[in-house]
Amino acid sequence: MMKKTINNNDGLDFAKITYARAYVAYCNANYKEALNEWLKYVSFKGETEEVKEYIQKINTAVKLEKLEKKEKEFDEQTEKILADGIEKYNFRKWVLCIKRIEELENFASENKFPKAVKYYAKAKEYIGEAVSELSKLVSYKKNADIQSEGLQEKLEYNELLPTKIYKTCFICAREAL
């Protein structure tokens, strides 16, 4: 019925046609056009409770669309960082993996989005595994009687201090190799 009203030019009731255009645009989720038509309607007839409610719904929908878009961008960024970190892990580049995954960890904790906790947990997991692999490498080299200054410090994974530990492991591994 509203679509017929849009095409009906007999009565030339601009307010009625504008209302119909706004309603059809709203139903088609074309919020920008709907808002524009509602505002035209308000200028013809004044603001009614019904139109006011539609305008509020449109504003809410637009905010949700922006939020969803931002969350999607965050997901894409974190997936890219995670994939890069996993690739470095798979190529046994432990220190580079840790550095990249720490970027993911920081990004997830700085940007609050629905999947941030999931990515933060994955980051912790990969950091722990990479530090463990570095420890094994250093232990192997230590057992082969390769001595260096950096090997004196005990290497353990501490969830609260992975940065200090992996830097120590990196120094040890570099000197050992």
C-alpha atoms as a PDB file:
ATOM      1  CA  MET A   1       0.000   0.000   0.000  1.00  0.00           C
ATOM      2  CA  MET A   2       2.848   2.392   0.830  1.00  0.00           C
ATOM      3  CA  LYS A   3       4.517   1.635  -2.504  1.00  0.00           C
ATOM      4  CA  LYS A   4       1.276   2.531  -4.293  1.00  0.00           C
ATOM      5  CA  THR A   5       1.108   5.767  -2.316  1.00  0.00           C
ATOM      6  CA  ILE A   6       4.609   6.684  -3.508  1.00  0.00           C
ATOM      7  CA  ASN A   7       3.559   6.349  -7.131  1.00  0.00           C
ATOM      8  CA  ASN A   8       0.212   8.113  -6.642  1.00  0.00           C
ATOM      9  CA  ASN A   9       0.583  11.652  -7.899  1.00  0.00           C
ATOM     10  CA  ASP A  10      -3.166  12.368  -8.138  1.00  0.00           C
ATOM     11  CA  GLY A  11      -3.660  14.125  -4.827  1.00  0.00           C
ATOM     12  CA  LEU A  12      -0.192  15.631  -4.651  1.00  0.00           C
ATOM     13  CA  ASP A  13      -0.201  15.254  -0.870  1.00  0.00           C
ATOM     14  CA  PHE A  14       3.543  15.698  -0.377  1.00  0.00           C
ATOM     15  CA  ALA A  15       3.424  14.826   3.301  1.00  0.00           C
ATOM     16  CA  LYS A  16       1.651  11.537   2.586  1.00  0.00           C
ATOM     17  CA  ILE A  17       4.054  10.648  -0.251  1.00  0.00           C
ATOM     18  CA  THR A  18       7.073  11.569   1.886  1.00  0.00           C
ATOM     19  CA  TYR A  19       5.764   9.459   4.765  1.00  0.00           C
ATOM     20  CA  ALA A  20       5.301   6.511   2.392  1.00  0.00           C
ATOM     21  CA  ARG A  21       8.825   6.919   0.960  1.00  0.00           C
ATOM     22  CA  ALA A  22      10.271   7.041   4.466  1.00  0.00           C
ATOM     23  CA  TYR A  23       8.356   3.964   5.554  1.00  0.00           C
ATOM     24  CA  VAL A  24       9.366   1.928   2.476  1.00  0.00           C
ATOM     25  CA  ALA A  25      13.009   2.979   2.836  1.00  0.00           C
ATOM     26  CA  TYR A  26      12.908   2.051   6.534  1.00  0.00           C
ATOM     27  CA  CYS A  27      11.442  -1.378   5.756  1.00  0.00           C
ATOM     28  CA  ASN A  28      14.202  -1.927   3.174  1.00  0.00           C
ATOM     29  CA  ALA A  29      16.852  -0.981   5.787  1.00  0.00           C
ATOM     30  CA  ASN A  30      17.869   2.031   3.719  1.00  0.00           C
ATOM     31  CA  TYR A  31      18.228   4.120   6.840  1.00  0.00           C
ATOM     32  CA  LYS A  32      19.901   7.147   5.326  1.00  0.00           C
ATOM     33  CA  GLU A  33      17.115   7.648   2.811  1.00  0.00           C
ATOM     34  CA  ALA A  34      14.445   6.885   5.407  1.00  0.00           C
ATOM     35  CA  LEU A  35      15.872   9.445   7.812  1.00  0.00           C
ATOM     36  CA  ASN A  36      15.989  12.043   5.058  1.00  0.00           C
ATOM     37  CA  GLU A  37      12.319  11.376   4.169  1.00  0.00           C
ATOM     38  CA  TRP A  38      11.218  11.421   7.830  1.00  0.00           C
ATOM     39  CA  LEU A  39      12.885  14.791   8.283  1.00  0.00           C
ATOM     40  CA  LYS A  40      11.065  16.096   5.189  1.00  0.00           C
ATOM     41  CA  TYR A  41       7.815  14.773   6.627  1.00  0.00           C
ATOM     42  CA  VAL A  42       8.490  16.576   9.898  1.00  0.00           C
ATOM     43  CA  SER A  43       8.975  19.824   8.003  1.00  0.00           C
ATOM     44  CA  PHE A  44       5.572  19.337   6.312  1.00  0.00           C
ATOM     45  CA  LYS A  45       3.464  18.060   9.203  1.00  0.00           C
ATOM     46  CA  GLY A  46       5.519  18.511  12.348  1.00  0.00           C
ATOM     47  CA  GLU A  47       6.956  15.818  14.550  1.00  0.00           C
ATOM     48  CA  THR A  48       4.596  13.082  15.708  1.00  0.00           C
ATOM     49  CA  GLU A  49       5.324  10.396  18.296  1.00  0.00           C
ATOM     50  CA  GLU A  50       5.344   7.767  15.556  1.00  0.00           C
ATOM     51  CA  VAL A  51       7.862   9.626  13.399  1.00  0.00           C
ATOM     52  CA  LYS A  52       9.957  10.464  16.439  1.00  0.00           C
ATOM     53  CA  GLU A  53      10.091   6.749  17.280  1.00  0.00           C
ATOM     54  CA  TYR A  54      11.137   5.852  13.715  1.00  0.00           C
ATOM     55  CA  ILE A  55      13.905   8.445  13.808  1.00  0.00           C
ATOM     56  CA  GLN A  56      15.177   7.028  17.122  1.00  0.00           C
ATOM     57  CA  LYS A  57      15.109   3.496  15.689  1.00  0.00           C
ATOM     58  CA  ILE A  58      17.043   4.664  12.639  1.00  0.00           C
ATOM     59  CA  ASN A  59      19.663   6.372  14.800  1.00  0.00           C
ATOM     60  CA  THR A  60      20.022   3.206  16.875  1.00  0.00           C
ATOM     61  CA  ALA A  61      20.311   1.052  13.737  1.00  0.00           C
ATOM     62  CA  VAL A  62      22.966   3.344  12.271  1.00  0.00           C
ATOM     63  CA  LYS A  63      24.974   3.188  15.512  1.00  0.00           C
ATOM     64  CA  LEU A  64      24.732  -0.612  15.484  1.00  0.00           C
ATOM     65  CA  GLU A  65      25.882  -0.750  11.868  1.00  0.00           C
ATOM     66  CA  LYS A  66      28.914   1.394  12.720  1.00  0.00           C
ATOM     67  CA  LEU A  67      29.682  -0.775  15.744  1.00  0.00           C
ATOM     68  CA  GLU A  68      29.411  -3.980  13.695  1.00  0.00           C
ATOM     69  CA  LYS A  69      31.684  -2.505  11.034  1.00  0.00           C
ATOM     70  CA  LYS A  70      34.269  -1.549  13.651  1.00  0.00           C
ATOM     71  CA  GLU A  71      34.091  -5.004  15.263  1.00  0.00           C
ATOM     72  CA  LYS A  72      34.584  -6.610  11.854  1.00  0.00           C
ATOM     73  CA  GLU A  73      37.673  -4.447  11.275  1.00  0.00           C
ATOM     74  CA  PHE A  74      39.037  -5.475  14.685  1.00  0.00           C
ATOM     75  CA  ASP A  75      38.404  -9.148  13.879  1.00  0.00           C
ATOM     76  CA  GLU A  76      40.199  -8.824  10.543  1.00  0.00           C
ATOM     77  CA  GLN A  77      43.189  -7.100  12.150  1.00  0.00           C
ATOM     78  CA  THR A  78      43.495  -9.652  14.946  1.00  0.00           C
ATOM     79  CA  GLU A  79      43.142 -12.565  12.526  1.00  0.00           C
ATOM     80  CA  LYS A  80      45.939 -11.114  10.405  1.00  0.00           C
ATOM     81  CA  ILE A  81      48.244 -10.663  13.397  1.00  0.00           C
ATOM     82  CA  LEU A  82      47.404 -14.144  14.714  1.00  0.00           C
ATOM     83  CA  ALA A  83      48.005 -15.785  11.329  1.00  0.00           C
ATOM     84  CA  ASP A  84      51.358 -14.027  11.025  1.00  0.00           C
ATOM     85  CA  GLY A  85      52.345 -15.132  14.539  1.00  0.00           C
ATOM     86  CA  ILE A  86      51.283 -18.726  13.864  1.00  0.00           C
ATOM     87  CA  GLU A  87      53.276 -18.724  10.619  1.00  0.00           C
ATOM     88  CA  LYS A  88      56.374 -17.606  12.495  1.00  0.00           C
ATOM     89  CA  TYR A  89      55.689 -20.273  15.123  1.00  0.00           C
ATOM     90  CA  ASN A  90      55.370 -22.965  12.448  1.00  0.00           C
ATOM     91  CA  PHE A  91      58.694 -21.884  10.930  1.00  0.00           C
ATOM     92  CA  ARG A  92      60.267 -22.172  14.387  1.00  0.00           C
ATOM     93  CA  LYS A  93      60.961 -18.447  14.609  1.00  0.00           C
ATOM     94  CA  TRP A  94      60.081 -18.370  18.280  1.00  0.00           C
ATOM     95  CA  VAL A  95      61.171 -14.851  19.167  1.00  0.00           C
ATOM     96  CA  LEU A  96      59.506 -13.304  16.113  1.00  0.00           C
ATOM     97  CA  CYS A  97      56.387 -15.309  16.928  1.00  0.00           C
ATOM     98  CA  ILE A  98      56.356 -14.016  20.491  1.00  0.00           C
ATOM     99  CA  LYS A  99      56.818 -10.424  19.399  1.00  0.00           C
ATOM    100  CA  ARG A 100      53.990 -10.681  16.868  1.00  0.00           C
ATOM    101  CA  ILE A 101      51.664 -12.477  19.267  1.00  0.00           C
ATOM    102  CA  GLU A 102      52.406  -9.862  21.929  1.00  0.00           C
ATOM    103  CA  GLU A 103      51.110  -7.293  19.432  1.00  0.00           C
ATOM    104  CA  LEU A 104      47.918  -9.346  19.263  1.00  0.00           C
ATOM    105  CA  GLU A 105      47.747  -9.511  23.043  1.00  0.00           C
ATOM    106  CA  ASN A 106      48.155  -5.734  23.345  1.00  0.00           C
ATOM    107  CA  PHE A 107      45.647  -5.042  20.562  1.00  0.00           C
ATOM    108  CA  ALA A 108      43.077  -7.331  22.167  1.00  0.00           C
ATOM    109  CA  SER A 109      43.460  -5.739  25.583  1.00  0.00           C
ATOM    110  CA  GLU A 110      43.400  -2.155  24.246  1.00  0.00           C
ATOM    111  CA  ASN A 111      40.377  -2.605  21.972  1.00  0.00           C
ATOM    112  CA  LYS A 112      37.283  -3.903  23.654  1.00  0.00           C
ATOM    113  CA  PHE A 113      35.333  -6.014  21.186  1.00  0.00           C
ATOM    114  CA  PRO A 114      33.396  -9.279  21.597  1.00  0.00           C
ATOM    115  CA  LYS A 115      36.170 -11.647  20.494  1.00  0.00           C
ATOM    116  CA  ALA A 116      38.980  -9.825  22.334  1.00  0.00           C
ATOM    117  CA  VAL A 117      39.025 -12.356  25.179  1.00  0.00           C
ATOM    118  CA  LYS A 118      39.290 -15.249  22.713  1.00  0.00           C
ATOM    119  CA  TYR A 119      42.243 -13.645  20.934  1.00  0.00           C
ATOM    120  CA  TYR A 120      43.891 -12.711  24.222  1.00  0.00           C
ATOM    121  CA  ALA A 121      43.689 -16.362  25.335  1.00  0.00           C
ATOM    122  CA  LYS A 122      45.159 -17.563  22.026  1.00  0.00           C
ATOM    123  CA  ALA A 123      47.968 -15.035  22.398  1.00  0.00           C
ATOM    124  CA  LYS A 124      48.802 -16.321  25.888  1.00  0.00           C
ATOM    125  CA  GLU A 125      48.781 -19.885  24.586  1.00  0.00           C
ATOM    126  CA  TYR A 126      51.174 -19.195  21.697  1.00  0.00           C
ATOM    127  CA  ILE A 127      53.496 -17.090  23.841  1.00  0.00           C
ATOM    128  CA  GLY A 128      53.678 -19.928  26.364  1.00  0.00           C
ATOM    129  CA  GLU A 129      54.406 -22.501  23.679  1.00  0.00           C
ATOM    130  CA  ALA A 130      57.044 -20.357  21.980  1.00  0.00           C
ATOM    131  CA  VAL A 131      58.792 -19.612  25.278  1.00  0.00           C
ATOM    132  CA  SER A 132      58.710 -23.318  26.067  1.00  0.00           C
ATOM    133  CA  GLU A 133      60.328 -24.107  22.714  1.00  0.00           C
ATOM    134  CA  LEU A 134      62.994 -21.462  23.337  1.00  0.00           C
ATOM    135  CA  SER A 135      63.666 -23.005  26.745  1.00  0.00           C
ATOM    136  CA  LYS A 136      64.096 -26.421  25.160  1.00  0.00           C
ATOM    137  CA  LEU A 137      66.495 -24.986  22.610  1.00  0.00           C
ATOM    138  CA  VAL A 138      68.565 -23.273  25.272  1.00  0.00           C
ATOM    139  CA  SER A 139      68.515 -26.376  27.492  1.00  0.00           C
ATOM    140  CA  TYR A 140      69.677 -28.493  24.586  1.00  0.00           C
ATOM    141  CA  LYS A 141      72.542 -26.127  23.866  1.00  0.00           C
ATOM    142  CA  LYS A 142      73.403 -25.914  27.566  1.00  0.00           C
ATOM    143  CA  ASN A 143      73.573 -29.691  27.829  1.00  0.00           C
ATOM    144  CA  ALA A 144      75.963 -29.697  24.905  1.00  0.00           C
ATOM    145  CA  ASP A 145      78.361 -27.710  27.146  1.00  0.00           C
ATOM    146  CA  ILE A 146      77.953 -24.458  25.258  1.00  0.00           C
ATOM    147  CA  GLN A 147      78.421 -21.819  27.940  1.00  0.00           C
ATOM    148  CA  SER A 148      77.613 -18.152  27.741  1.00  0.00           C
ATOM    149  CA  GLU A 149      76.749 -15.398  30.195  1.00  0.00           C
ATOM    150  CA  GLY A 150      73.031 -15.453  29.397  1.00  0.00           C
ATOM    151  CA  LEU A 151      72.639 -19.140  30.288  1.00  0.00           C
ATOM    152  CA  GLN A 152      73.132 -18.505  33.987  1.00  0.00           C
ATOM    153  CA  GLU A 153      69.528 -17.305  34.452  1.00  0.00           C
ATOM    154  CA  LYS A 154      66.919 -19.976  35.108  1.00  0.00           C
ATOM    155  CA  LEU A 155      64.358 -20.187  32.295  1.00  0.00           C
ATOM    156  CA  GLU A 156      60.744 -20.790  33.239  1.00  0.00           C
ATOM    157  CA  TYR A 157      57.502 -19.615  31.735  1.00  0.00           C
ATOM    158  CA  ASN A 158      55.848 -17.117  33.985  1.00  0.00           C
ATOM    159  CA  GLU A 159      52.472 -15.991  32.641  1.00  0.00           C
ATOM    160  CA  LEU A 160      52.893 -12.553  34.205  1.00  0.00           C
ATOM    161  CA  LEU A 161      56.400 -11.889  32.883  1.00  0.00           C
ATOM    162  CA  PRO A 162      56.737 -13.463  29.410  1.00  0.00           C
ATOM    163  CA  THR A 163      58.566 -10.436  28.003  1.00  0.00           C
ATOM    164  CA  LYS A 164      61.535 -10.698  30.373  1.00  0.00           C
ATOM    165  CA  ILE A 165      61.810 -14.428  29.949  1.00  0.00           C
ATOM    166  CA  TYR A 166      61.617 -14.557  26.171  1.00  0.00           C
ATOM    167  CA  LYS A 167      64.192 -11.749  25.911  1.00  0.00           C
ATOM    168  CA  THR A 168      66.510 -13.808  28.100  1.00  0.00           C
ATOM    169  CA  CYS A 169      65.810 -16.865  25.959  1.00  0.00           C
ATOM    170  CA  PHE A 170      66.457 -14.869  22.802  1.00  0.00           C
ATOM    171  CA  ILE A 171      69.840 -13.700  24.093  1.00  0.00           C
ATOM    172  CA  CYS A 172      70.730 -17.228  25.161  1.00  0.00           C
ATOM    173  CA  ALA A 173      69.585 -18.785  21.915  1.00  0.00           C
ATOM    174  CA  ARG A 174      71.414 -16.238  19.787  1.00  0.00           C
ATOM    175  CA  GLU A 175      74.648 -16.760  21.729  1.00  0.00           C
ATOM    176  CA  ALA A 176      74.220 -20.524  21.742  1.00  0.00           C
ATOM    177  CA  LEU A 177      73.708 -20.726  18.003  1.00  0.00           C
END
